[in-house]
């Protein structure tokens, strides 16, 4: 049923794109007016991943198991490899891969944390990042006009994330770590896993209790979104779409981010294009062919960071792509870290 729904969704989006695009003008539209500006867009997207690494490191450093702070490279390398997997594969498998690699690097440094605990840190970092994104969108909306749907979606998502953060902070220490062997039925086993994950999320929120750590995590998350906004604006400039401005770049940051939250195809192709096509054509009068060309190049500036740098960091990890993929899909978090050299 899930596969069928994905096929139907993709088919609807493709039909919309085919209907709106003048394919004869696509060839001309795919040549930006200022192509060298795209180098700056790629650099901005690279910087956004580095800042995200700072934020994730800020959460991990506050775990009780971590007796000394990690080096940034220990976190950034798994993050780029995870970005690679999320770019070329669907279903966000890169989130599992980056946790597996970080766990291996931590073990090499004599720091032992479970895979579930590290998944909790990913959840905590993403929650803070999303709340920061919502605040960023609100700030943009105060200065520049944003459509009503952008407000509704952003505020709804932000409220949900804030509710989870508050629940994790309030319920801290109220729950005992569930017994992994408890329960015999499928429902019991699922509940045990959910409770274990929630316990890990609670523990990972220790970082949010420290003003210093919270300022690092929140500040790095804010810089992540600033960098992504800059990458979008520079891509608009490269296509001669300066009239769309920072407000349009902010709107695209909203729609593209929401589209990437629901990975249907590898790299979220098609939905990414639709997320850029609709606001550019509906709100700024950009032709459909130019909007599609812009979305393809924008996605390229983001994907090249994950693919190119992701493969470089993957080689430094000393683990094969296929090996990591098989391990992640077979429950690699419950196994020993993948073999191979890992710099502490």
Protein backbone atom coordinates (compact mmCIF):
# COMPACT_ATOMS: atom_id res chain seq x y z
CA UNK A 1 0.00 0.00 0.00
CA UNK A 2 2.86 2.36 0.85
CA UNK A 3 4.52 1.67 -2.52
CA UNK A 4 1.26 2.30 -4.36
CA UNK A 5 0.68 5.61 -2.55
CA UNK A 6 4.22 6.72 -3.43
CA UNK A 7 3.70 5.86 -7.09
CA UNK A 8 0.39 7.75 -7.18
CA UNK A 9 1.93 10.81 -5.49
CA UNK A 10 4.88 10.87 -7.89
CA UNK A 11 2.55 10.38 -10.88
CA UNK A 12 0.40 13.34 -9.84
CA UNK A 13 3.42 15.60 -9.40
CA UNK A 14 4.94 14.50 -12.73
CA UNK A 15 1.63 15.16 -14.49
CA UNK A 16 1.53 18.65 -12.96
CA UNK A 17 5.09 19.37 -14.08
CA UNK A 18 4.48 18.07 -17.62
CA UNK A 19 1.34 20.16 -17.88
CA UNK A 20 2.96 23.40 -16.70
CA UNK A 21 6.37 23.22 -18.42
CA UNK A 22 7.20 24.49 -21.89
CA UNK A 23 9.82 21.88 -22.72
CA UNK A 24 11.09 23.80 -25.73
CA UNK A 25 12.37 26.54 -23.45
CA UNK A 26 13.96 24.16 -20.93
CA UNK A 27 17.27 23.95 -22.82
CA UNK A 28 17.72 27.72 -22.69
CA UNK A 29 16.54 27.93 -19.06
CA UNK A 30 19.14 25.39 -17.93
CA UNK A 31 21.93 27.90 -18.63
CA UNK A 32 22.20 30.30 -15.66
CA UNK A 33 23.13 33.91 -16.35
CA UNK A 34 25.82 33.91 -13.65
CA UNK A 35 27.01 30.31 -13.34
CA UNK A 36 30.05 31.13 -11.19
CA UNK A 37 27.74 32.28 -8.39
CA UNK A 38 26.77 28.62 -8.00
CA UNK A 39 30.20 27.98 -6.48
CA UNK A 40 29.13 30.22 -3.61
CA UNK A 41 25.85 28.30 -3.32
CA UNK A 42 27.74 25.02 -3.03
CA UNK A 43 30.05 26.53 -0.42
CA UNK A 44 27.03 27.75 1.56
CA UNK A 45 25.50 24.27 1.54
CA UNK A 46 28.81 22.78 2.65
CA UNK A 47 28.92 25.27 5.52
CA UNK A 48 25.37 24.33 6.53
CA UNK A 49 26.46 20.70 7.04
CA UNK A 50 29.45 21.82 9.14
CA UNK A 51 27.16 23.92 11.35
CA UNK A 52 24.79 20.98 11.70
CA UNK A 53 27.79 18.96 12.85
CA UNK A 54 28.45 21.55 15.58
CA UNK A 55 24.82 21.24 16.72
CA UNK A 56 24.84 17.43 16.81
CA UNK A 57 28.19 17.44 18.61
CA UNK A 58 26.72 19.78 21.21
CA UNK A 59 24.02 17.21 22.01
CA UNK A 60 26.35 14.20 22.04
CA UNK A 61 28.92 15.94 24.28
CA UNK A 62 26.34 16.19 27.07
CA UNK A 63 25.61 12.44 27.23
CA UNK A 64 26.56 10.86 30.59
CA UNK A 65 28.72 8.31 28.73
CA UNK A 66 30.88 11.05 27.16
CA UNK A 67 33.64 11.92 29.63
CA UNK A 68 35.50 14.20 27.21
CA UNK A 69 34.26 16.32 24.34
CA UNK A 70 34.42 14.90 20.84
CA UNK A 71 36.42 16.50 18.08
CA UNK A 72 34.35 18.07 15.31
CA UNK A 73 35.79 15.69 12.69
CA UNK A 74 34.49 12.70 14.66
CA UNK A 75 30.97 14.00 14.10
CA UNK A 76 31.28 15.69 10.69
CA UNK A 77 32.58 12.62 8.84
CA UNK A 78 29.59 10.38 9.79
CA UNK A 79 27.27 13.32 9.08
CA UNK A 80 28.54 13.73 5.51
CA UNK A 81 28.34 9.99 4.88
CA UNK A 82 24.77 10.00 6.19
CA UNK A 83 24.03 12.90 3.85
CA UNK A 84 25.40 10.79 0.99
CA UNK A 85 23.06 7.91 1.81
CA UNK A 86 20.05 10.23 2.16
CA UNK A 87 20.89 11.72 -1.25
CA UNK A 88 21.21 8.50 -3.24
CA UNK A 89 18.74 6.34 -1.32
CA UNK A 90 15.21 6.85 -0.04
CA UNK A 91 13.69 6.32 3.43
CA UNK A 92 16.30 8.39 5.32
CA UNK A 93 18.62 5.42 5.76
CA UNK A 94 21.44 7.92 6.14
CA UNK A 95 20.22 8.71 9.66
CA UNK A 96 21.00 5.13 10.70
CA UNK A 97 24.32 5.12 8.83
CA UNK A 98 25.63 8.27 10.50
CA UNK A 99 24.75 6.90 13.94
CA UNK A 100 26.55 3.62 13.17
CA UNK A 101 29.69 5.47 12.08
CA UNK A 102 29.66 7.89 15.01
CA UNK A 103 29.22 4.97 17.40
CA UNK A 104 32.25 3.27 15.87
CA UNK A 105 34.36 6.43 16.17
CA UNK A 106 33.30 6.86 19.78
CA UNK A 107 34.17 3.24 20.56
CA UNK A 108 37.61 3.80 19.01
CA UNK A 109 38.04 6.73 21.41
CA UNK A 110 36.99 4.61 24.40
CA UNK A 111 33.51 6.12 24.66
CA UNK A 112 30.74 3.53 24.69
CA UNK A 113 27.18 4.55 23.85
CA UNK A 114 24.34 2.43 22.51
CA UNK A 115 22.89 2.96 19.05
CA UNK A 116 19.52 3.80 20.60
CA UNK A 117 21.12 6.51 22.74
CA UNK A 118 22.75 8.08 19.68
CA UNK A 119 19.47 7.92 17.76
CA UNK A 120 18.06 9.93 20.65
CA UNK A 121 20.70 12.61 20.05
CA UNK A 122 19.71 12.77 16.38
CA UNK A 123 16.08 13.27 17.40
CA UNK A 124 17.01 15.98 19.91
CA UNK A 125 19.21 17.84 17.41
CA UNK A 126 16.52 17.67 14.73
CA UNK A 127 13.89 18.97 17.15
CA UNK A 128 16.03 21.97 18.09
CA UNK A 129 16.90 22.53 14.43
CA UNK A 130 13.23 22.49 13.44
CA UNK A 131 12.22 24.89 16.21
CA UNK A 132 15.07 27.19 15.17
CA UNK A 133 13.86 26.93 11.57
CA UNK A 134 10.35 27.97 12.61
CA UNK A 135 11.72 30.98 14.51
CA UNK A 136 13.80 31.80 11.44
CA UNK A 137 10.70 31.64 9.23
CA UNK A 138 8.78 33.88 11.65
CA UNK A 139 11.61 36.42 11.54
CA UNK A 140 11.52 36.38 7.73
CA UNK A 141 7.73 36.73 7.75
CA UNK A 142 7.86 39.79 10.00
CA UNK A 143 10.12 41.63 7.58
CA UNK A 144 8.98 40.16 4.27
CA UNK A 145 5.57 38.82 3.14
CA UNK A 146 5.02 35.07 3.30
CA UNK A 147 1.91 33.16 2.12
CA UNK A 148 -0.62 32.00 4.70
CA UNK A 149 0.13 28.32 4.07
CA UNK A 150 3.81 28.89 4.90
CA UNK A 151 2.80 30.37 8.26
CA UNK A 152 0.37 27.56 9.06
CA UNK A 153 2.73 24.73 8.16
CA UNK A 154 5.70 26.29 9.96
CA UNK A 155 3.83 27.13 13.16
CA UNK A 156 2.15 23.72 13.28
CA UNK A 157 5.44 21.89 12.86
CA UNK A 158 7.15 24.13 15.39
CA UNK A 159 4.38 23.60 17.96
CA UNK A 160 4.64 19.81 17.58
CA UNK A 161 8.41 19.83 18.01
CA UNK A 162 8.22 22.17 20.99
CA UNK A 163 5.64 19.87 22.60
CA UNK A 164 8.00 16.90 22.24
CA UNK A 165 10.92 18.87 23.73
CA UNK A 166 8.84 20.02 26.69
CA UNK A 167 7.52 16.48 27.26
CA UNK A 168 11.07 15.09 27.20
CA UNK A 169 12.31 17.69 29.67
CA UNK A 170 9.37 17.30 32.05
CA UNK A 171 9.30 13.49 32.04
CA UNK A 172 13.05 13.14 32.61
CA UNK A 173 13.91 10.58 35.30
CA UNK A 174 10.32 9.42 35.63
CA UNK A 175 10.83 6.31 33.55
CA UNK A 176 13.12 3.35 34.13
CA UNK A 177 14.99 1.93 31.17
CA UNK A 178 12.63 -0.77 29.79
CA UNK A 179 13.71 -4.38 29.89
CA UNK A 180 14.69 -5.37 26.31
CA UNK A 181 13.44 -8.90 26.95
CA UNK A 182 10.04 -7.84 28.28
CA UNK A 183 6.94 -8.73 26.30
CA UNK A 184 6.10 -11.72 24.16
CA UNK A 185 3.62 -10.36 21.62
CA UNK A 186 4.45 -8.17 18.66
CA UNK A 187 2.67 -5.22 20.28
CA UNK A 188 4.67 -5.69 23.49
CA UNK A 189 7.95 -5.75 21.58
CA UNK A 190 7.00 -2.61 19.66
CA UNK A 191 6.10 -0.84 22.90
CA UNK A 192 9.42 -1.85 24.45
CA UNK A 193 11.32 -0.40 21.50
CA UNK A 194 9.29 2.81 21.61
CA UNK A 195 9.95 3.17 25.35
CA UNK A 196 13.67 2.57 24.84
CA UNK A 197 13.80 5.23 22.13
CA UNK A 198 11.85 7.68 24.26
CA UNK A 199 14.20 7.04 27.18
CA UNK A 200 17.12 7.81 24.86
CA UNK A 201 15.41 11.01 23.69
CA UNK A 202 14.92 12.05 27.33
CA UNK A 203 18.59 11.49 28.10
CA UNK A 204 19.71 13.37 25.02
CA UNK A 205 17.75 16.41 26.19
CA UNK A 206 20.24 16.85 29.03
CA UNK A 207 22.09 19.14 26.62
CA UNK A 208 19.10 21.49 26.60
CA UNK A 209 19.35 21.91 30.38
CA UNK A 210 22.76 23.53 30.10
CA UNK A 211 22.61 27.20 28.96
CA UNK A 212 26.07 26.88 27.41
CA UNK A 213 25.23 23.73 25.45
CA UNK A 214 21.81 25.06 24.43
CA UNK A 215 23.38 28.26 23.10
CA UNK A 216 25.87 26.21 21.05
CA UNK A 217 23.19 23.90 19.64
CA UNK A 218 20.71 26.68 18.93
CA UNK A 219 23.35 29.01 17.49
CA UNK A 220 24.78 26.32 15.21
CA UNK A 221 21.26 25.40 14.05
CA UNK A 222 20.53 29.04 13.26
CA UNK A 223 23.74 29.32 11.24
CA UNK A 224 22.75 26.15 9.38
CA UNK A 225 19.54 27.80 8.18
CA UNK A 226 21.30 31.07 7.36
CA UNK A 227 23.75 29.13 5.19
CA UNK A 228 20.93 27.29 3.40
CA UNK A 229 19.07 30.56 2.84
CA UNK A 230 22.25 32.05 1.36
CA UNK A 231 22.64 29.06 -0.95
CA UNK A 232 19.08 29.48 -2.24
CA UNK A 233 19.51 33.23 -2.77
CA UNK A 234 22.78 32.76 -4.66
CA UNK A 235 21.13 30.19 -6.91
CA UNK A 236 18.29 32.63 -7.60
CA UNK A 237 20.88 35.29 -8.43
CA UNK A 238 22.66 32.88 -10.79
CA UNK A 239 19.40 32.52 -12.75
CA UNK A 240 18.77 36.26 -12.87
CA UNK A 241 15.86 35.97 -10.44
CA UNK A 242 16.98 38.80 -8.16
CA UNK A 243 13.43 40.16 -8.13
CA UNK A 244 12.37 37.11 -6.10
CA UNK A 245 14.64 38.46 -3.37
CA UNK A 246 15.30 37.28 0.15
CA UNK A 247 11.59 36.90 0.82
CA UNK A 248 11.28 34.44 -2.04
CA UNK A 249 14.41 32.65 -0.86
CA UNK A 250 12.81 32.37 2.58
CA UNK A 251 9.61 30.96 1.06
CA UNK A 252 11.62 28.42 -0.92
CA UNK A 253 13.47 27.47 2.26
CA UNK A 254 10.07 26.68 3.79
CA UNK A 255 8.62 24.69 0.89
CA UNK A 256 11.80 22.79 0.00
CA UNK A 257 12.49 21.90 3.64
CA UNK A 258 8.96 20.57 4.05
CA UNK A 259 9.29 18.54 0.84
CA UNK A 260 12.57 17.01 2.03
CA UNK A 261 10.89 15.88 5.24
CA UNK A 262 8.97 13.27 3.23
CA UNK A 263 11.50 11.25 1.20
CA UNK A 264 9.65 9.40 -1.55
CA UNK A 265 12.44 8.90 -4.10
CA UNK A 266 16.25 8.99 -3.78
CA UNK A 267 17.28 12.61 -3.34
CA UNK A 268 13.54 13.38 -3.13
CA UNK A 269 13.41 14.02 -6.86
CA UNK A 270 10.14 15.31 -8.31
CA UNK A 271 8.76 16.52 -4.96
CA UNK A 272 11.77 18.84 -4.61
CA UNK A 273 11.02 20.26 -8.06
CA UNK A 274 7.35 20.73 -7.22
CA UNK A 275 8.26 22.48 -3.96
CA UNK A 276 10.24 25.07 -5.94
CA UNK A 277 7.89 25.25 -8.95
CA UNK A 278 4.71 26.17 -7.09
CA UNK A 279 5.91 29.24 -5.11
CA UNK A 280 8.03 30.63 -7.96
CA UNK A 281 5.25 30.41 -10.55
CA UNK A 282 2.32 31.26 -8.27
CA UNK A 283 3.86 34.04 -6.17
CA UNK A 284 6.60 35.55 -8.34
CA UNK A 285 5.48 35.02 -11.93
CA UNK A 286 8.50 32.93 -12.91
CA UNK A 287 7.94 30.75 -15.95
CA UNK A 288 7.52 27.05 -15.26
CA UNK A 289 10.52 26.11 -17.40
CA UNK A 290 12.78 28.56 -15.54
CA UNK A 291 11.42 27.39 -12.19
CA UNK A 292 12.10 23.74 -13.06
CA UNK A 293 15.59 24.57 -14.30
CA UNK A 294 16.24 26.54 -11.11
CA UNK A 295 15.00 23.65 -8.93
CA UNK A 296 17.25 21.15 -10.72
CA UNK A 297 20.32 23.33 -10.25
CA UNK A 298 19.38 24.16 -6.64
CA UNK A 299 19.08 20.46 -5.89
CA UNK A 300 22.42 19.90 -7.62
CA UNK A 301 24.15 22.48 -5.39
CA UNK A 302 22.85 20.56 -2.37
CA UNK A 303 23.38 17.05 -3.71
CA UNK A 304 26.95 17.67 -4.87
CA UNK A 305 27.90 18.40 -1.26
CA UNK A 306 26.43 15.11 -0.08
CA UNK A 307 27.70 12.99 -2.97
CA UNK A 308 31.18 14.44 -3.54
CA UNK A 309 32.17 15.12 0.05
CA UNK A 310 30.17 12.17 1.31
CA UNK A 311 32.22 9.77 -0.82
CA UNK A 312 35.46 11.42 0.32
CA UNK A 313 34.53 10.93 3.96
CA UNK A 314 33.25 7.42 3.22
CA UNK A 315 36.69 6.46 1.91
CA UNK A 316 38.27 7.84 5.06
CA UNK A 317 35.93 5.67 7.14
CA UNK A 318 37.29 2.55 5.44
CA UNK A 319 33.86 0.92 5.02
CA UNK A 320 32.24 -0.02 1.70
CA UNK A 321 28.99 1.67 0.66
CA UNK A 322 27.22 -1.67 0.18
CA UNK A 323 28.38 -2.96 3.54
CA UNK A 324 26.98 0.06 5.36
CA UNK A 325 23.71 -0.15 3.45
CA UNK A 326 23.22 -3.83 4.30
CA UNK A 327 24.14 -3.26 7.92
CA UNK A 328 21.75 -0.30 8.27
CA UNK A 329 18.86 -2.20 6.69
CA UNK A 330 19.43 -5.27 8.83
CA UNK A 331 19.38 -3.45 12.15
CA UNK A 332 22.99 -2.36 12.35
CA UNK A 333 22.38 -0.38 15.54
CA UNK A 334 21.94 -3.62 17.43
CA UNK A 335 25.22 -5.03 16.18
CA UNK A 336 28.86 -4.21 16.75
CA UNK A 337 30.06 -1.16 14.82
CA UNK A 338 31.08 -1.94 11.21
CA UNK A 339 34.68 -3.01 10.84
CA UNK A 340 37.42 -0.88 9.38
CA UNK A 341 39.73 1.92 10.49
CA UNK A 342 38.20 4.78 12.41
CA UNK A 343 40.13 7.79 13.55
CA UNK A 344 39.24 8.81 17.07
